[in-house]
Amino acid sequence: MSISPEKFVAAGKASLETSLQAASAASASLFSAVERLSSLNLAAARALFDDSVALSKSVAEAKDPKSLASLQLGLITPVLEKNVAYLGNVASIAAQAQGELSKLYETEAAQLVKNLNAAVEDFAKNAPAGSETAIGALKSAIANATAAYEGATKAAKQVSEVAQANVESATAAAVETVAKTTQAAASVLKSV
């Protein structure tokens, strides 16, 4: 089998262009995630500043230790809820970026398999007699590697989804428990 220099150069150029497109798409996805995370952090910093100013005013207006304690207890649940919402947004941004990158890499892997199969087929057309067994083994190895990659990718996605659901469930339970405890403490404080 002989490959002309023109075919070799064309294949190299196509491979380089494909790699550059994939790198550009991955970079765009990452920059988008960084922009969303930066925007989220800026909004969180502004909200924290505004909340701090409001808290300072409330503390200054507190007339006795009981009203100050009540004020503090009243802040626990909202602060926790804001933190949970913030972390949920961060996780959402990360999951979205991961999903976009996974799609890009899956597309790249599919294209690689397609190109590899085409190369094997091209080789098979020009292969010497008696090499059918080796070509069949090569095709089988490619198919097995592809199936293993797809199975691993599917399993990783399922594990990620289950972990995310467990984190969300545990977080909701923790927020609920803190809210109940805070309410109970506030009730005790009122009765004193």
Protein backbone atom coordinates (compact mmCIF):
# COMPACT_ATOMS: atom_id res chain seq x y z
CA MET A 1 0.00 0.00 0.00
CA SER A 2 1.34 3.40 -0.90
CA ILE A 3 0.20 6.77 0.28
CA SER A 4 0.88 9.71 -1.98
CA PRO A 5 2.52 12.76 -0.44
CA GLU A 6 -0.56 14.79 -1.38
CA LYS A 7 -2.84 12.45 0.59
CA PHE A 8 -0.48 12.53 3.55
CA VAL A 9 -0.32 16.35 3.56
CA ALA A 10 -4.11 16.64 3.10
CA ALA A 11 -4.72 14.21 5.98
CA GLY A 12 -2.32 16.14 8.21
CA LYS A 13 -3.93 19.45 7.31
CA ALA A 14 -7.43 18.09 7.96
CA SER A 15 -6.30 16.65 11.29
CA LEU A 16 -4.71 19.96 12.31
CA GLU A 17 -7.84 21.93 11.34
CA THR A 18 -10.05 19.53 13.27
CA SER A 19 -7.80 19.76 16.32
CA LEU A 20 -7.78 23.56 16.17
CA GLN A 21 -11.58 23.66 15.91
CA ALA A 22 -11.92 21.32 18.88
CA ALA A 23 -9.44 23.34 20.95
CA SER A 24 -11.25 26.55 20.03
CA ALA A 25 -14.63 25.09 21.01
CA ALA A 26 -13.25 23.77 24.30
CA SER A 27 -11.65 27.13 25.08
CA ALA A 28 -14.90 28.96 24.29
CA SER A 29 -16.79 26.63 26.61
CA LEU A 30 -14.28 27.14 29.42
CA PHE A 31 -14.22 30.93 28.98
CA SER A 32 -18.02 30.96 29.06
CA ALA A 33 -17.99 29.02 32.34
CA VAL A 34 -15.39 31.40 33.81
CA GLU A 35 -17.51 34.40 32.74
CA ARG A 36 -20.64 32.93 34.37
CA LEU A 37 -18.70 32.09 37.54
CA SER A 38 -17.20 35.59 37.65
CA SER A 39 -20.65 37.13 37.24
CA LEU A 40 -22.01 34.90 40.00
CA ASN A 41 -19.14 35.86 42.31
CA LEU A 42 -19.62 39.56 41.61
CA ALA A 43 -23.35 39.29 42.36
CA ALA A 44 -22.60 37.35 45.55
CA ALA A 45 -20.06 39.96 46.66
CA ARG A 46 -22.56 42.76 46.04
CA ALA A 47 -25.29 40.91 47.96
CA LEU A 48 -22.88 40.23 50.82
CA PHE A 49 -21.97 43.92 51.00
CA ASP A 50 -25.63 44.98 50.92
CA ASP A 51 -26.51 42.43 53.58
CA SER A 52 -23.60 43.58 55.75
CA VAL A 53 -24.76 47.19 55.56
CA ALA A 54 -28.32 46.19 56.46
CA LEU A 55 -27.07 44.02 59.33
CA SER A 56 -24.92 46.85 60.68
CA LYS A 57 -27.94 49.14 60.71
CA SER A 58 -30.04 46.49 62.47
CA VAL A 59 -27.35 45.84 65.08
CA ALA A 60 -27.06 49.57 65.72
CA GLU A 61 -30.83 49.75 66.24
CA ALA A 62 -30.94 46.79 68.67
CA LYS A 63 -32.03 48.00 72.09
CA ASP A 64 -31.08 45.06 74.26
CA PRO A 65 -29.21 41.73 74.21
CA LYS A 66 -32.44 39.80 73.66
CA SER A 67 -33.25 41.70 70.44
CA LEU A 68 -29.63 41.29 69.29
CA ALA A 69 -29.80 37.52 69.88
CA SER A 70 -33.12 37.38 68.08
CA LEU A 71 -31.59 39.26 65.16
CA GLN A 72 -28.70 36.81 65.00
CA LEU A 73 -31.00 33.80 65.11
CA GLY A 74 -33.11 35.31 62.35
CA LEU A 75 -30.06 35.49 60.09
CA ILE A 76 -28.92 31.89 60.33
CA THR A 77 -31.42 30.31 57.95
CA PRO A 78 -31.34 33.03 55.25
CA VAL A 79 -27.54 33.04 55.22
CA LEU A 80 -27.46 29.26 54.97
CA GLU A 81 -30.03 29.31 52.16
CA LYS A 82 -28.00 31.93 50.26
CA ASN A 83 -24.85 29.84 50.65
CA VAL A 84 -26.64 26.73 49.44
CA ALA A 85 -28.05 28.65 46.46
CA TYR A 86 -24.58 30.00 45.66
CA LEU A 87 -22.99 26.56 45.82
CA GLY A 88 -25.84 25.16 43.73
CA ASN A 89 -25.16 27.80 41.08
CA VAL A 90 -21.44 27.00 41.11
CA ALA A 91 -22.25 23.29 40.72
CA SER A 92 -24.65 24.08 37.89
CA ILE A 93 -22.01 26.11 36.04
CA ALA A 94 -19.47 23.32 36.53
CA ALA A 95 -21.94 20.64 35.39
CA GLN A 96 -22.86 22.64 32.31
CA ALA A 97 -19.21 23.17 31.39
CA GLN A 98 -18.49 19.49 31.98
CA GLY A 99 -21.43 18.53 29.77
CA GLU A 100 -20.29 20.83 26.97
CA LEU A 101 -16.73 19.52 27.15
CA SER A 102 -17.95 15.92 27.29
CA LYS A 103 -20.00 16.46 24.13
CA LEU A 104 -16.98 17.97 22.40
CA TYR A 105 -14.74 15.08 23.39
CA GLU A 106 -17.38 12.50 22.47
CA THR A 107 -17.65 14.12 19.04
CA GLU A 108 -13.87 14.05 18.70
CA ALA A 109 -13.75 10.40 19.77
CA ALA A 110 -16.48 9.49 17.27
CA GLN A 111 -14.59 11.29 14.50
CA LEU A 112 -11.37 9.52 15.50
CA VAL A 113 -13.10 6.12 15.34
CA LYS A 114 -14.63 7.03 11.98
CA ASN A 115 -11.22 8.06 10.60
CA LEU A 116 -9.59 4.97 12.03
CA ASN A 117 -12.23 2.70 10.49
CA ALA A 118 -11.81 4.49 7.15
CA ALA A 119 -8.04 4.00 7.33
CA VAL A 120 -8.50 0.30 8.12
CA GLU A 121 -10.92 -0.05 5.20
CA ASP A 122 -8.47 1.75 2.91
CA PHE A 123 -5.69 -0.51 4.14
CA ALA A 124 -7.90 -3.58 3.63
CA LYS A 125 -8.48 -2.65 -0.04
CA ASN A 126 -4.74 -2.68 -0.70
CA ALA A 127 -3.72 -5.37 1.78
CA PRO A 128 -1.94 -8.48 0.61
CA ALA A 129 -3.87 -11.70 0.33
CA GLY A 130 -4.21 -13.62 3.61
CA SER A 131 -4.34 -10.54 5.83
CA GLU A 132 -8.13 -10.74 6.30
CA THR A 133 -7.74 -12.27 9.76
CA ALA A 134 -5.45 -9.48 10.95
CA ILE A 135 -7.76 -6.84 9.52
CA GLY A 136 -10.76 -8.51 11.17
CA ALA A 137 -8.90 -8.54 14.50
CA LEU A 138 -8.03 -4.88 14.09
CA LYS A 139 -11.66 -3.99 13.34
CA SER A 140 -12.78 -6.03 16.33
CA ALA A 141 -10.26 -4.29 18.60
CA ILE A 142 -11.51 -0.88 17.42
CA ALA A 143 -15.13 -1.91 18.03
CA ASN A 144 -14.30 -3.27 21.49
CA ALA A 145 -12.38 -0.12 22.47
CA THR A 146 -15.26 2.03 21.25
CA ALA A 147 -17.79 -0.01 23.23
CA ALA A 148 -15.63 0.17 26.36
CA TYR A 149 -15.27 3.94 26.00
CA GLU A 150 -19.02 4.39 25.54
CA GLY A 151 -19.75 2.15 28.55
CA ALA A 152 -17.31 4.05 30.75
CA THR A 153 -18.74 7.39 29.63
CA LYS A 154 -22.29 6.25 30.35
CA ALA A 155 -21.31 4.91 33.79
CA ALA A 156 -19.49 8.15 34.65
CA LYS A 157 -22.56 10.19 33.71
CA GLN A 158 -24.80 8.00 35.87
CA VAL A 159 -22.46 8.25 38.85
CA SER A 160 -22.32 12.03 38.45
CA GLU A 161 -26.13 12.30 38.30
CA VAL A 162 -26.60 10.12 41.39
CA ALA A 163 -23.96 12.06 43.32
CA GLN A 164 -25.58 15.37 42.37
CA ALA A 165 -29.01 14.12 43.47
CA ASN A 166 -27.58 12.89 46.79
CA VAL A 167 -25.85 16.22 47.45
CA GLU A 168 -29.06 18.14 46.68
CA SER A 169 -31.08 15.87 48.97
CA ALA A 170 -28.59 16.11 51.84
CA THR A 171 -28.35 19.88 51.45
CA ALA A 172 -32.11 20.30 51.53
CA ALA A 173 -32.30 18.15 54.68
CA ALA A 174 -29.53 20.17 56.36
CA VAL A 175 -31.22 23.48 55.55
CA GLU A 176 -34.52 22.17 56.88
CA THR A 177 -32.89 20.95 60.10
CA VAL A 178 -31.11 24.25 60.67
CA ALA A 179 -34.32 26.18 60.01
CA LYS A 180 -36.24 24.07 62.55
CA THR A 181 -33.48 24.39 65.13
CA THR A 182 -33.31 28.15 64.61
CA GLN A 183 -37.07 28.47 64.96
CA ALA A 184 -36.98 26.45 68.18
CA ALA A 185 -34.17 28.62 69.56
CA ALA A 186 -36.09 31.77 68.60
CA SER A 187 -39.18 30.44 70.40
CA VAL A 188 -37.16 29.74 73.52
CA LEU A 189 -35.65 33.22 73.33
CA LYS A 190 -39.13 34.81 73.09
CA SER A 191 -40.36 32.92 76.11
CA VAL A 192 -37.44 34.09 78.25
